[in-house]
C-alpha atoms as a PDB file:
ATOM      1  CA  MET A   1     134.480  15.787-197.725  1.00  0.00           C
ATOM      2  CA  THR A   2     136.841  16.709-194.811  1.00  0.00           C
ATOM      3  CA  LYS A   3     135.940  16.620-191.218  1.00  0.00           C
ATOM      4  CA  ARG A   4     135.835  20.340-191.146  1.00  0.00           C
ATOM      5  CA  ASP A   5     133.446  20.449-194.113  1.00  0.00           C
ATOM      6  CA  VAL A   6     131.084  18.080-192.361  1.00  0.00           C
ATOM      7  CA  ALA A   7     131.230  20.186-189.117  1.00  0.00           C
ATOM      8  CA  ASP A   8     130.498  23.273-191.215  1.00  0.00           C
ATOM      9  CA  LEU A   9     127.572  21.485-192.910  1.00  0.00           C
ATOM     10  CA  PHE A  10     125.981  20.318-189.656  1.00  0.00           C
ATOM     11  CA  GLY A  11     127.073  23.331-187.594  1.00  0.00           C
ATOM     12  CA  ASN A  12     128.725  21.523-184.719  1.00  0.00           C
ATOM     13  CA  ARG A  13     131.729  19.311-184.568  1.00  0.00           C
ATOM     14  CA  PHE A  14     130.009  17.199-181.894  1.00  0.00           C
ATOM     15  CA  LEU A  15     127.452  16.112-184.428  1.00  0.00           C
ATOM     16  CA  THR A  16     130.234  14.452-186.361  1.00  0.00           C
ATOM     17  CA  GLU A  17     132.239  13.050-183.522  1.00  0.00           C
ATOM     18  CA  PRO A  18     131.285  11.878-179.980  1.00  0.00           C
ATOM     19  CA  ALA A  19     130.544  14.540-177.358  1.00  0.00           C
ATOM     20  CA  PRO A  20     132.989  14.924-174.550  1.00  0.00           C
ATOM     21  CA  SER A  21     132.158  12.741-171.581  1.00  0.00           C
ATOM     22  CA  LYS A  22     135.321  12.608-169.422  1.00  0.00           C
ATOM     23  CA  THR A  23     137.446  15.635-170.103  1.00  0.00           C
ATOM     24  CA  PHE A  24     136.948  19.142-171.258  1.00  0.00           C
ATOM     25  CA  PRO A  25     137.669  19.706-174.866  1.00  0.00           C
ATOM     26  CA  GLU A  26     140.612  21.867-175.860  1.00  0.00           C
ATOM     27  CA  GLU A  27     138.276  24.312-177.631  1.00  0.00           C
ATOM     28  CA  GLY A  28     134.888  25.465-176.288  1.00  0.00           C
ATOM     29  CA  MET A  29     131.699  25.812-178.231  1.00  0.00           C
ATOM     30  CA  THR A  30     129.100  28.491-178.740  1.00  0.00           C
ATOM     31  CA  ALA A  31     125.917  28.550-176.815  1.00  0.00           C
ATOM     32  CA  THR A  32     123.915  27.689-180.065  1.00  0.00           C
ATOM     33  CA  ASP A  33     126.192  24.711-180.615  1.00  0.00           C
ATOM     34  CA  THR A  34     125.694  23.532-177.004  1.00  0.00           C
ATOM     35  CA  MET A  35     121.951  23.831-177.318  1.00  0.00           C
ATOM     36  CA  ARG A  36     122.043  21.827-180.603  1.00  0.00           C
ATOM     37  CA  LEU A  37     124.180  19.154-179.000  1.00  0.00           C
ATOM     38  CA  LEU A  38     121.765  18.809-176.062  1.00  0.00           C
ATOM     39  CA  ASP A  39     118.764  18.821-178.347  1.00  0.00           C
ATOM     40  CA  GLU A  40     120.264  15.971-180.399  1.00  0.00           C
ATOM     41  CA  ASP A  41     121.042  13.958-177.339  1.00  0.00           C
ATOM     42  CA  LEU A  42     117.637  14.559-175.685  1.00  0.00           C
ATOM     43  CA  VAL A  43     115.563  13.809-178.771  1.00  0.00           C
ATOM     44  CA  MET A  44     116.493  10.162-178.243  1.00  0.00           C
ATOM     45  CA  GLU A  45     114.632  10.227-174.761  1.00  0.00           C
ATOM     46  CA  GLY A  46     111.183  10.052-176.354  1.00  0.00           C
ATOM     47  CA  ASP A  47     108.151  12.172-176.082  1.00  0.00           C
ATOM     48  CA  PRO A  48     107.230  12.852-172.428  1.00  0.00           C
ATOM     49  CA  GLN A  49     103.539  13.216-173.447  1.00  0.00           C
ATOM     50  CA  ARG A  50     103.552   9.591-174.322  1.00  0.00           C
ATOM     51  CA  ASN A  51     105.169   8.494-171.102  1.00  0.00           C
ATOM     52  CA  LEU A  52     102.383   6.717-169.142  1.00  0.00           C
ATOM     53  CA  ALA A  53     104.792   5.086-166.697  1.00  0.00           C
ATOM     54  CA  THR A  54     105.472   8.100-164.412  1.00  0.00           C
ATOM     55  CA  PHE A  55     103.551  10.941-162.746  1.00  0.00           C
ATOM     56  CA  VAL A  56     105.606  13.784-164.305  1.00  0.00           C
ATOM     57  CA  THR A  57     104.230  17.043-165.689  1.00  0.00           C
ATOM     58  CA  THR A  58     104.285  16.793-169.453  1.00  0.00           C
ATOM     59  CA  TRP A  59     102.286  19.805-170.352  1.00  0.00           C
ATOM     60  CA  MET A  60     101.395  23.125-168.854  1.00  0.00           C
ATOM     61  CA  GLU A  61      99.711  26.329-169.958  1.00  0.00           C
ATOM     62  CA  PRO A  62     102.008  28.755-171.790  1.00  0.00           C
ATOM     63  CA  GLU A  63     101.377  31.254-169.043  1.00  0.00           C
ATOM     64  CA  ALA A  64     102.754  28.948-166.396  1.00  0.00           C
ATOM     65  CA  GLN A  65     105.855  28.403-168.579  1.00  0.00           C
ATOM     66  CA  ARG A  66     106.277  32.148-168.827  1.00  0.00           C
ATOM     67  CA  VAL A  67     105.987  32.637-165.086  1.00  0.00           C
ATOM     68  CA  ILE A  68     108.685  29.952-164.501  1.00  0.00           C
ATOM     69  CA  ALA A  69     110.986  31.390-167.243  1.00  0.00           C
ATOM     70  CA  GLU A  70     110.682  34.903-165.941  1.00  0.00           C
ATOM     71  CA  ASN A  71     111.589  33.806-162.378  1.00  0.00           C
ATOM     72  CA  LEU A  72     114.432  31.356-162.849  1.00  0.00           C
ATOM     73  CA  HIS A  73     116.932  33.974-161.673  1.00  0.00           C
ATOM     74  CA  ARG A  74     115.345  34.161-158.183  1.00  0.00           C
ATOM     75  CA  ASN A  75     116.756  32.284-155.188  1.00  0.00           C
ATOM     76  CA  PHE A  76     113.405  31.485-153.613  1.00  0.00           C
ATOM     77  CA  ILE A  77     115.001  29.946-150.492  1.00  0.00           C
ATOM     78  CA  ASP A  78     116.100  33.388-149.372  1.00  0.00           C
ATOM     79  CA  HIS A  79     112.906  34.569-147.772  1.00  0.00           C
ATOM     80  CA  ALA A  80     114.511  37.770-146.510  1.00  0.00           C
ATOM     81  CA  GLU A  81     115.461  38.909-150.103  1.00  0.00           C
ATOM     82  CA  TYR A  82     112.170  37.673-151.581  1.00  0.00           C
ATOM     83  CA  PRO A  83     109.416  38.242-148.919  1.00  0.00           C
ATOM     84  CA  ILE A  84     106.566  38.388-151.512  1.00  0.00           C
ATOM     85  CA  SER A  85     107.620  35.096-152.950  1.00  0.00           C
ATOM     86  CA  ALA A  86     107.613  33.617-149.461  1.00  0.00           C
ATOM     87  CA  GLU A  87     104.056  34.915-148.900  1.00  0.00           C
ATOM     88  CA  ILE A  88     102.995  33.349-152.184  1.00  0.00           C
ATOM     89  CA  GLU A  89     104.415  30.097-151.023  1.00  0.00           C
ATOM     90  CA  GLN A  90     102.414  30.334-147.707  1.00  0.00           C
ATOM     91  CA  ARG A  91      99.248  31.221-149.638  1.00  0.00           C
ATOM     92  CA  CYS A  92      99.650  27.903-151.568  1.00  0.00           C
ATOM     93  CA  VAL A  93     100.323  26.055-148.373  1.00  0.00           C
ATOM     94  CA  ARG A  94      97.108  27.453-146.751  1.00  0.00           C
ATOM     95  CA  MET A  95      95.053  26.730-149.858  1.00  0.00           C
ATOM     96  CA  LEU A  96      96.245  23.135-150.058  1.00  0.00           C
ATOM     97  CA  ALA A  97      95.538  22.729-146.318  1.00  0.00           C
ATOM     98  CA  ASP A  98      92.062  23.945-146.984  1.00  0.00           C
ATOM     99  CA  LEU A  99      91.709  21.487-149.874  1.00  0.00           C
ATOM    100  CA  PHE A 100      92.583  18.629-147.621  1.00  0.00           C
ATOM    101  CA  ASN A 101      90.455  19.902-144.686  1.00  0.00           C
ATOM    102  CA  ALA A 102      93.386  20.364-142.348  1.00  0.00           C
ATOM    103  CA  PRO A 103      92.201  21.423-138.911  1.00  0.00           C
ATOM    104  CA  GLY A 104      93.467  24.617-137.235  1.00  0.00           C
ATOM    105  CA  LYS A 105      96.348  26.936-138.172  1.00  0.00           C
ATOM    106  CA  THR A 106      98.470  25.452-141.006  1.00  0.00           C
ATOM    107  CA  ILE A 107     102.224  25.688-141.511  1.00  0.00           C
ATOM    108  CA  GLY A 108     104.223  24.276-144.321  1.00  0.00           C
ATOM    109  CA  CYS A 109     106.661  24.835-147.098  1.00  0.00           C
ATOM    110  CA  ARG A 110     107.194  23.939-150.670  1.00  0.00           C
ATOM    111  CA  THR A 111     109.712  21.436-151.893  1.00  0.00           C
ATOM    112  CA  GLN A 112     111.723  20.996-154.930  1.00  0.00           C
ATOM    113  CA  GLY A 113     111.208  17.317-155.461  1.00  0.00           C
ATOM    114  CA  SER A 114     109.369  14.289-154.232  1.00  0.00           C
ATOM    115  CA  SER A 115     112.163  12.833-152.111  1.00  0.00           C
ATOM    116  CA  GLU A 116     112.406  16.163-150.318  1.00  0.00           C
ATOM    117  CA  ALA A 117     108.726  16.321-149.951  1.00  0.00           C
ATOM    118  CA  ILE A 118     108.520  12.839-148.416  1.00  0.00           C
ATOM    119  CA  MET A 119     111.342  13.591-145.977  1.00  0.00           C
ATOM    120  CA  LEU A 120     109.813  16.825-144.868  1.00  0.00           C
ATOM    121  CA  GLY A 121     106.329  15.217-144.523  1.00  0.00           C
ATOM    122  CA  ALA A 122     107.852  12.509-142.360  1.00  0.00           C
ATOM    123  CA  LEU A 123     109.655  15.084-140.215  1.00  0.00           C
ATOM    124  CA  SER A 124     106.451  17.070-139.715  1.00  0.00           C
ATOM    125  CA  LEU A 125     104.717  13.847-138.555  1.00  0.00           C
ATOM    126  CA  LYS A 126     107.557  13.130-136.103  1.00  0.00           C
ATOM    127  CA  TRP A 127     107.672  16.622-134.613  1.00  0.00           C
END
């Protein structure tokens, strides 16, 4: 069986040879082949639902997944372009402030990750 026959059998040449890691290959690949390559690599990571060592989200309702998927194209940092999204953000901030019994008028913002959240929290305490 030739190398091309094997690639045809498995549907992607990178399943029969190492994936590029330092330079771009001479020939590109289809979106489907890219997805398969990433799926094959990521399957080795293990099942996140069995990961008891971190505080990551491993499951969410399908409706939440749909909301995320339908809004990935938005640049939520641009409040002038997306004022309703900015208001939804502030609703969440106000509701979380209420949950934690914050006194008075509350201001805040959402963050993309824990490091950013820690830094912004520390800055808010400073100022």
